């Protein structure tokens, strides 16, 4: 089993890598490509979002039988 220090160092290096990739992406990719990427990335994240709300519209009247 990995030691706690090893796990923290791995987490730190992973976060640093993600921040570097994010910075490079923001500075060197065209804005239109960034917008498209964010749109599709948000769609993927929504599938894994744990607080999804499902609503059902309530119909009143005689047509619902």
PDB file of N, CA and C in Angstrom:
ATOM      1  N   UNK A   1       0.844  -1.179   0.000  1.00  0.00           N
ATOM      2  CA  UNK A   1       0.000   0.000   0.000  1.00  0.00           C
ATOM      3  C   UNK A   1       0.889   1.241   0.000  1.00  0.00           C
ATOM      4  N   UNK A   2       0.453   2.242  -0.756  1.00  0.00           N
ATOM      5  CA  UNK A   2       1.250   3.459  -0.887  1.00  0.00           C
ATOM      6  C   UNK A   2       1.203   4.275   0.400  1.00  0.00           C
ATOM      7  N   UNK A   3       2.298   4.900   0.686  1.00  0.00           N
ATOM      8  CA  UNK A   3       2.375   5.760   1.864  1.00  0.00           C
ATOM      9  C   UNK A   3       1.590   7.048   1.597  1.00  0.00           C
ATOM     10  N   UNK A   4       1.182   7.698   2.660  1.00  0.00           N
ATOM     11  CA  UNK A   4       0.381   8.910   2.531  1.00  0.00           C
ATOM     12  C   UNK A   4       1.169  10.000   1.812  1.00  0.00           C
ATOM     13  N   UNK A   5       2.432  10.127   2.114  1.00  0.00           N
ATOM     14  CA  UNK A   5       3.269  11.131   1.456  1.00  0.00           C
ATOM     15  C   UNK A   5       3.365  10.914  -0.039  1.00  0.00           C
ATOM     16  N   UNK A   6       3.468   9.658  -0.450  1.00  0.00           N
ATOM     17  CA  UNK A   6       3.525   9.349  -1.877  1.00  0.00           C
ATOM     18  C   UNK A   6       2.223   9.727  -2.568  1.00  0.00           C
ATOM     19  N   UNK A   7       1.116   9.469  -1.902  1.00  0.00           N
ATOM     20  CA  UNK A   7      -0.177   9.808  -2.498  1.00  0.00           C
ATOM     21  C   UNK A   7      -0.320  11.322  -2.661  1.00  0.00           C
ATOM     22  N   UNK A   8       0.121  12.103  -1.654  1.00  0.00           N
ATOM     23  CA  UNK A   8       0.031  13.558  -1.744  1.00  0.00           C
ATOM     24  C   UNK A   8       0.940  14.095  -2.840  1.00  0.00           C
ATOM     25  N   UNK A   9       2.134  13.516  -2.986  1.00  0.00           N
ATOM     26  CA  UNK A   9       3.039  13.992  -4.030  1.00  0.00           C
ATOM     27  C   UNK A   9       2.486  13.669  -5.413  1.00  0.00           C
ATOM     28  N   UNK A  10       1.854  12.527  -5.549  1.00  0.00           N
ATOM     29  CA  UNK A  10       1.236  12.169  -6.828  1.00  0.00           C
ATOM     30  C   UNK A  10       0.078  13.116  -7.138  1.00  0.00           C
ATOM     31  N   UNK A  11      -0.732  13.428  -6.139  1.00  0.00           N
ATOM     32  CA  UNK A  11      -1.844  14.358  -6.331  1.00  0.00           C
ATOM     33  C   UNK A  11      -1.329  15.743  -6.707  1.00  0.00           C
ATOM     34  N   UNK A  12      -0.269  16.182  -6.047  1.00  0.00           N
ATOM     35  CA  UNK A  12       0.304  17.492  -6.348  1.00  0.00           C
ATOM     36  C   UNK A  12       0.839  17.583  -7.763  1.00  0.00           C
ATOM     37  N   UNK A  13       1.539  16.553  -8.208  1.00  0.00           N
ATOM     38  CA  UNK A  13       2.078  16.588  -9.569  1.00  0.00           C
ATOM     39  C   UNK A  13       0.962  16.503 -10.605  1.00  0.00           C
ATOM     40  N   UNK A  14      -0.090  15.767 -10.303  1.00  0.00           N
ATOM     41  CA  UNK A  14      -1.228  15.684 -11.219  1.00  0.00           C
ATOM     42  C   UNK A  14      -1.926  17.037 -11.336  1.00  0.00           C
ATOM     43  N   UNK A  15      -2.128  17.710 -10.209  1.00  0.00           N
ATOM     44  CA  UNK A  15      -2.764  19.031 -10.240  1.00  0.00           C
ATOM     45  C   UNK A  15      -1.902  20.042 -10.983  1.00  0.00           C
ATOM     46  N   UNK A  16      -0.596  19.987 -10.795  1.00  0.00           N
ATOM     47  CA  UNK A  16       0.307  20.905 -11.496  1.00  0.00           C
ATOM     48  C   UNK A  16       0.248  20.667 -13.002  1.00  0.00           C
ATOM     49  N   UNK A  17       0.188  19.411 -13.409  1.00  0.00           N
ATOM     50  CA  UNK A  17       0.092  19.093 -14.830  1.00  0.00           C
ATOM     51  C   UNK A  17      -1.207  19.614 -15.417  1.00  0.00           C
ATOM     52  N   UNK A  18      -2.317  19.429 -14.702  1.00  0.00           N
ATOM     53  CA  UNK A  18      -3.608  19.915 -15.193  1.00  0.00           C
ATOM     54  C   UNK A  18      -3.629  21.440 -15.305  1.00  0.00           C
ATOM     55  N   UNK A  19      -3.029  22.130 -14.346  1.00  0.00           N
ATOM     56  CA  UNK A  19      -2.976  23.594 -14.413  1.00  0.00           C
ATOM     57  C   UNK A  19      -2.118  24.058 -15.586  1.00  0.00           C
ATOM     58  N   UNK A  20      -1.019  23.364 -15.855  1.00  0.00           N
ATOM     59  CA  UNK A  20      -0.170  23.713 -16.989  1.00  0.00           C
ATOM     60  C   UNK A  20      -0.916  23.519 -18.303  1.00  0.00           C
ATOM     61  N   UNK A  21      -1.594  22.390 -18.446  1.00  0.00           N
ATOM     62  CA  UNK A  21      -2.348  22.116 -19.677  1.00  0.00           C
ATOM     63  C   UNK A  21      -3.448  23.160 -19.861  1.00  0.00           C
ATOM     64  N   UNK A  22      -4.133  23.515 -18.781  1.00  0.00           N
ATOM     65  CA  UNK A  22      -5.196  24.520 -18.851  1.00  0.00           C
ATOM     66  C   UNK A  22      -4.646  25.875 -19.293  1.00  0.00           C
ATOM     67  N   UNK A  23      -3.496  26.262 -18.751  1.00  0.00           N
ATOM     68  CA  UNK A  23      -2.888  27.543 -19.103  1.00  0.00           C
ATOM     69  C   UNK A  23      -2.458  27.565 -20.562  1.00  0.00           C
ATOM     70  N   UNK A  24      -1.822  26.499 -21.015  1.00  0.00           N
ATOM     71  CA  UNK A  24      -1.393  26.420 -22.414  1.00  0.00           C
ATOM     72  C   UNK A  24      -2.606  26.458 -23.334  1.00  0.00           C
ATOM     73  N   UNK A  25      -3.653  25.749 -22.960  1.00  0.00           N
ATOM     74  CA  UNK A  25      -4.870  25.727 -23.772  1.00  0.00           C
ATOM     75  C   UNK A  25      -5.466  27.128 -23.884  1.00  0.00           C
ATOM     76  N   UNK A  26      -5.542  27.855 -22.770  1.00  0.00           N
ATOM     77  CA  UNK A  26      -6.131  29.201 -22.791  1.00  0.00           C
ATOM     78  C   UNK A  26      -5.300  30.190 -23.597  1.00  0.00           C
ATOM     79  N   UNK A  27      -3.983  30.051 -23.574  1.00  0.00           N
ATOM     80  CA  UNK A  27      -3.137  31.046 -24.226  1.00  0.00           C
ATOM     81  C   UNK A  27      -2.912  30.781 -25.707  1.00  0.00           C
ATOM     82  N   UNK A  28      -2.889  29.525 -26.118  1.00  0.00           N
ATOM     83  CA  UNK A  28      -2.435  29.228 -27.468  1.00  0.00           C
ATOM     84  C   UNK A  28      -3.490  28.665 -28.408  1.00  0.00           C
ATOM     85  N   UNK A  29      -4.685  28.398 -27.929  1.00  0.00           N
ATOM     86  CA  UNK A  29      -5.729  27.897 -28.811  1.00  0.00           C
ATOM     87  C   UNK A  29      -6.686  29.032 -29.156  1.00  0.00           C
ATOM     88  N   UNK A  30      -7.232  29.033 -30.366  1.00  0.00           N
ATOM     89  CA  UNK A  30      -8.176  30.089 -30.749  1.00  0.00           C
ATOM     90  C   UNK A  30      -9.427  30.066 -29.866  1.00  0.00           C
ATOM     91  N   UNK A  31     -10.036  31.237 -29.722  1.00  0.00           N
ATOM     92  CA  UNK A  31     -11.203  31.365 -28.843  1.00  0.00           C
ATOM     93  C   UNK A  31     -12.347  30.457 -29.300  1.00  0.00           C
ATOM     94  N   UNK A  32     -12.574  30.374 -30.608  1.00  0.00           N
ATOM     95  CA  UNK A  32     -13.683  29.548 -31.115  1.00  0.00           C
ATOM     96  C   UNK A  32     -13.473  28.076 -30.760  1.00  0.00           C
ATOM     97  N   UNK A  33     -12.242  27.611 -30.805  1.00  0.00           N
ATOM     98  CA  UNK A  33     -11.949  26.232 -30.423  1.00  0.00           C
ATOM     99  C   UNK A  33     -12.157  26.031 -28.928  1.00  0.00           C
ATOM    100  N   UNK A  34     -11.809  27.031 -28.129  1.00  0.00           N
ATOM    101  CA  UNK A  34     -12.032  26.946 -26.683  1.00  0.00           C
ATOM    102  C   UNK A  34     -13.517  26.849 -26.369  1.00  0.00           C
ATOM    103  N   UNK A  35     -14.339  27.636 -27.066  1.00  0.00           N
ATOM    104  CA  UNK A  35     -15.786  27.613 -26.832  1.00  0.00           C
ATOM    105  C   UNK A  35     -16.353  26.242 -27.181  1.00  0.00           C
ATOM    106  N   UNK A  36     -15.931  25.697 -28.310  1.00  0.00           N
ATOM    107  CA  UNK A  36     -16.416  24.369 -28.709  1.00  0.00           C
ATOM    108  C   UNK A  36     -15.986  23.303 -27.712  1.00  0.00           C
ATOM    109  N   UNK A  37     -14.743  23.370 -27.281  1.00  0.00           N
ATOM    110  CA  UNK A  37     -14.242  22.393 -26.314  1.00  0.00           C
ATOM    111  C   UNK A  37     -15.011  22.477 -25.002  1.00  0.00           C
ATOM    112  N   UNK A  38     -15.248  23.696 -24.511  1.00  0.00           N
ATOM    113  CA  UNK A  38     -15.983  23.864 -23.255  1.00  0.00           C
ATOM    114  C   UNK A  38     -17.404  23.342 -23.371  1.00  0.00           C
ATOM    115  N   UNK A  39     -18.027  23.541 -24.522  1.00  0.00           N
ATOM    116  CA  UNK A  39     -19.393  23.067 -24.724  1.00  0.00           C
ATOM    117  C   UNK A  39     -19.461  21.546 -24.596  1.00  0.00           C
ATOM    118  N   UNK A  40     -18.566  20.857 -25.287  1.00  0.00           N
ATOM    119  CA  UNK A  40     -18.581  19.398 -25.233  1.00  0.00           C
ATOM    120  C   UNK A  40     -18.078  18.867 -23.895  1.00  0.00           C
ATOM    121  N   UNK A  41     -17.135  19.558 -23.277  1.00  0.00           N
ATOM    122  CA  UNK A  41     -16.650  19.150 -21.965  1.00  0.00           C
ATOM    123  C   UNK A  41     -17.767  19.253 -20.928  1.00  0.00           C
ATOM    124  N   UNK A  42     -18.546  20.336 -20.993  1.00  0.00           N
ATOM    125  CA  UNK A  42     -19.663  20.492 -20.059  1.00  0.00           C
ATOM    126  C   UNK A  42     -20.724  19.418 -20.257  1.00  0.00           C
ATOM    127  N   UNK A  43     -20.938  18.988 -21.489  1.00  0.00           N
ATOM    128  CA  UNK A  43     -21.882  17.892 -21.733  1.00  0.00           C
ATOM    129  C   UNK A  43     -21.411  16.608 -21.059  1.00  0.00           C
ATOM    130  N   UNK A  44     -20.127  16.340 -21.139  1.00  0.00           N
ATOM    131  CA  UNK A  44     -19.576  15.130 -20.520  1.00  0.00           C
ATOM    132  C   UNK A  44     -19.668  15.225 -19.002  1.00  0.00           C
ATOM    133  N   UNK A  45     -19.361  16.393 -18.454  1.00  0.00           N
ATOM    134  CA  UNK A  45     -19.402  16.571 -17.002  1.00  0.00           C
ATOM    135  C   UNK A  45     -20.823  16.417 -16.480  1.00  0.00           C
ATOM    136  N   UNK A  46     -21.808  16.877 -17.251  1.00  0.00           N
ATOM    137  CA  UNK A  46     -23.200  16.766 -16.802  1.00  0.00           C
ATOM    138  C   UNK A  46     -23.626  15.319 -16.609  1.00  0.00           C
ATOM    139  N   UNK A  47     -23.067  14.398 -17.378  1.00  0.00           N
ATOM    140  CA  UNK A  47     -23.412  12.986 -17.209  1.00  0.00           C
ATOM    141  C   UNK A  47     -22.917  12.442 -15.872  1.00  0.00           C
ATOM    142  N   UNK A  48     -21.830  13.000 -15.362  1.00  0.00           N
ATOM    143  CA  UNK A  48     -21.256  12.509 -14.111  1.00  0.00           C
ATOM    144  C   UNK A  48     -21.648  13.361 -12.913  1.00  0.00           C
ATOM    145  N   UNK A  49     -22.399  14.431 -13.117  1.00  0.00           N
ATOM    146  CA  UNK A  49     -22.778  15.332 -12.029  1.00  0.00           C
ATOM    147  C   UNK A  49     -23.749  14.617 -11.095  1.00  0.00           C
ATOM    148  N   UNK A  50     -23.450  14.532  -9.791  1.00  0.00           N
ATOM    149  CA  UNK A  50     -24.277  13.724  -8.883  1.00  0.00           C
ATOM    150  C   UNK A  50     -25.586  14.376  -8.462  1.00  0.00           C
ATOM    151  N   UNK A  51     -25.766  15.657  -8.713  1.00  0.00           N
ATOM    152  CA  UNK A  51     -26.965  16.355  -8.248  1.00  0.00           C
ATOM    153  C   UNK A  51     -27.909  16.679  -9.400  1.00  0.00           C
ATOM    154  N   UNK A  52     -28.179  15.708 -10.235  1.00  0.00           N
ATOM    155  CA  UNK A  52     -29.058  15.908 -11.371  1.00  0.00           C
ATOM    156  C   UNK A  52     -30.492  16.030 -10.869  1.00  0.00           C
ATOM    157  N   UNK A  53     -31.206  17.019 -11.365  1.00  0.00           N
ATOM    158  CA  UNK A  53     -32.597  17.206 -10.983  1.00  0.00           C
ATOM    159  C   UNK A  53     -33.486  16.790 -12.142  1.00  0.00           C
ATOM    160  N   UNK A  54     -34.428  15.921 -11.864  1.00  0.00           N
ATOM    161  CA  UNK A  54     -35.398  15.495 -12.863  1.00  0.00           C
ATOM    162  C   UNK A  54     -36.739  16.062 -12.443  1.00  0.00           C
ATOM    163  N   UNK A  55     -37.373  16.809 -13.331  1.00  0.00           N
ATOM    164  CA  UNK A  55     -38.663  17.406 -13.005  1.00  0.00           C
ATOM    165  C   UNK A  55     -39.714  16.895 -13.974  1.00  0.00           C
ATOM    166  N   UNK A  56     -40.912  16.759 -13.469  1.00  0.00           N
ATOM    167  CA  UNK A  56     -42.055  16.365 -14.278  1.00  0.00           C
ATOM    168  C   UNK A  56     -43.059  17.509 -14.243  1.00  0.00           C
ATOM    169  N   UNK A  57     -43.460  17.974 -15.403  1.00  0.00           N
ATOM    170  CA  UNK A  57     -44.449  19.037 -15.452  1.00  0.00           C
ATOM    171  C   UNK A  57     -45.799  18.493 -14.995  1.00  0.00           C
ATOM    172  N   UNK A  58     -46.503  19.293 -14.226  1.00  0.00           N
ATOM    173  CA  UNK A  58     -47.818  18.887 -13.746  1.00  0.00           C
ATOM    174  C   UNK A  58     -48.874  19.454 -14.678  1.00  0.00           C
ATOM    175  N   UNK A  59     -49.732  18.576 -15.143  1.00  0.00           N
ATOM    176  CA  UNK A  59     -50.820  18.996 -16.009  1.00  0.00           C
ATOM    177  C   UNK A  59     -52.119  18.939 -15.222  1.00  0.00           C
ATOM    178  N   UNK A  60     -52.912  19.964 -15.359  1.00  0.00           N
ATOM    179  CA  UNK A  60     -54.218  19.966 -14.711  1.00  0.00           C
ATOM    180  C   UNK A  60     -55.276  20.104 -15.786  1.00  0.00           C
ATOM    181  N   UNK A  61     -56.385  19.526 -15.544  1.00  0.00           N
ATOM    182  CA  UNK A  61     -57.474  19.622 -16.505  1.00  0.00           C
ATOM    183  C   UNK A  61     -58.037  18.256 -16.819  1.00  0.00           C
ATOM    184  N   UNK A  62     -58.929  18.248 -17.781  1.00  0.00           N
ATOM    185  CA  UNK A  62     -59.651  17.021 -18.110  1.00  0.00           C
ATOM    186  C   UNK A  62     -58.923  16.158 -19.123  1.00  0.00           C
ATOM    187  N   UNK A  63     -57.881  16.646 -19.737  1.00  0.00           N
ATOM    188  CA  UNK A  63     -57.218  15.889 -20.792  1.00  0.00           C
ATOM    189  C   UNK A  63     -56.363  14.751 -20.255  1.00  0.00           C
ATOM    190  N   UNK A  64     -55.968  14.803 -19.002  1.00  0.00           N
ATOM    191  CA  UNK A  64     -55.169  13.728 -18.410  1.00  0.00           C
ATOM    192  C   UNK A  64     -56.100  12.655 -17.874  1.00  0.00           C
ATOM    193  N   UNK A  65     -56.115  11.508 -18.490  1.00  0.00           N
ATOM    194  CA  UNK A  65     -56.977  10.417 -18.023  1.00  0.00           C
ATOM    195  C   UNK A  65     -56.174   9.149 -17.884  1.00  0.00           C
TER     196      UNK A  65
END
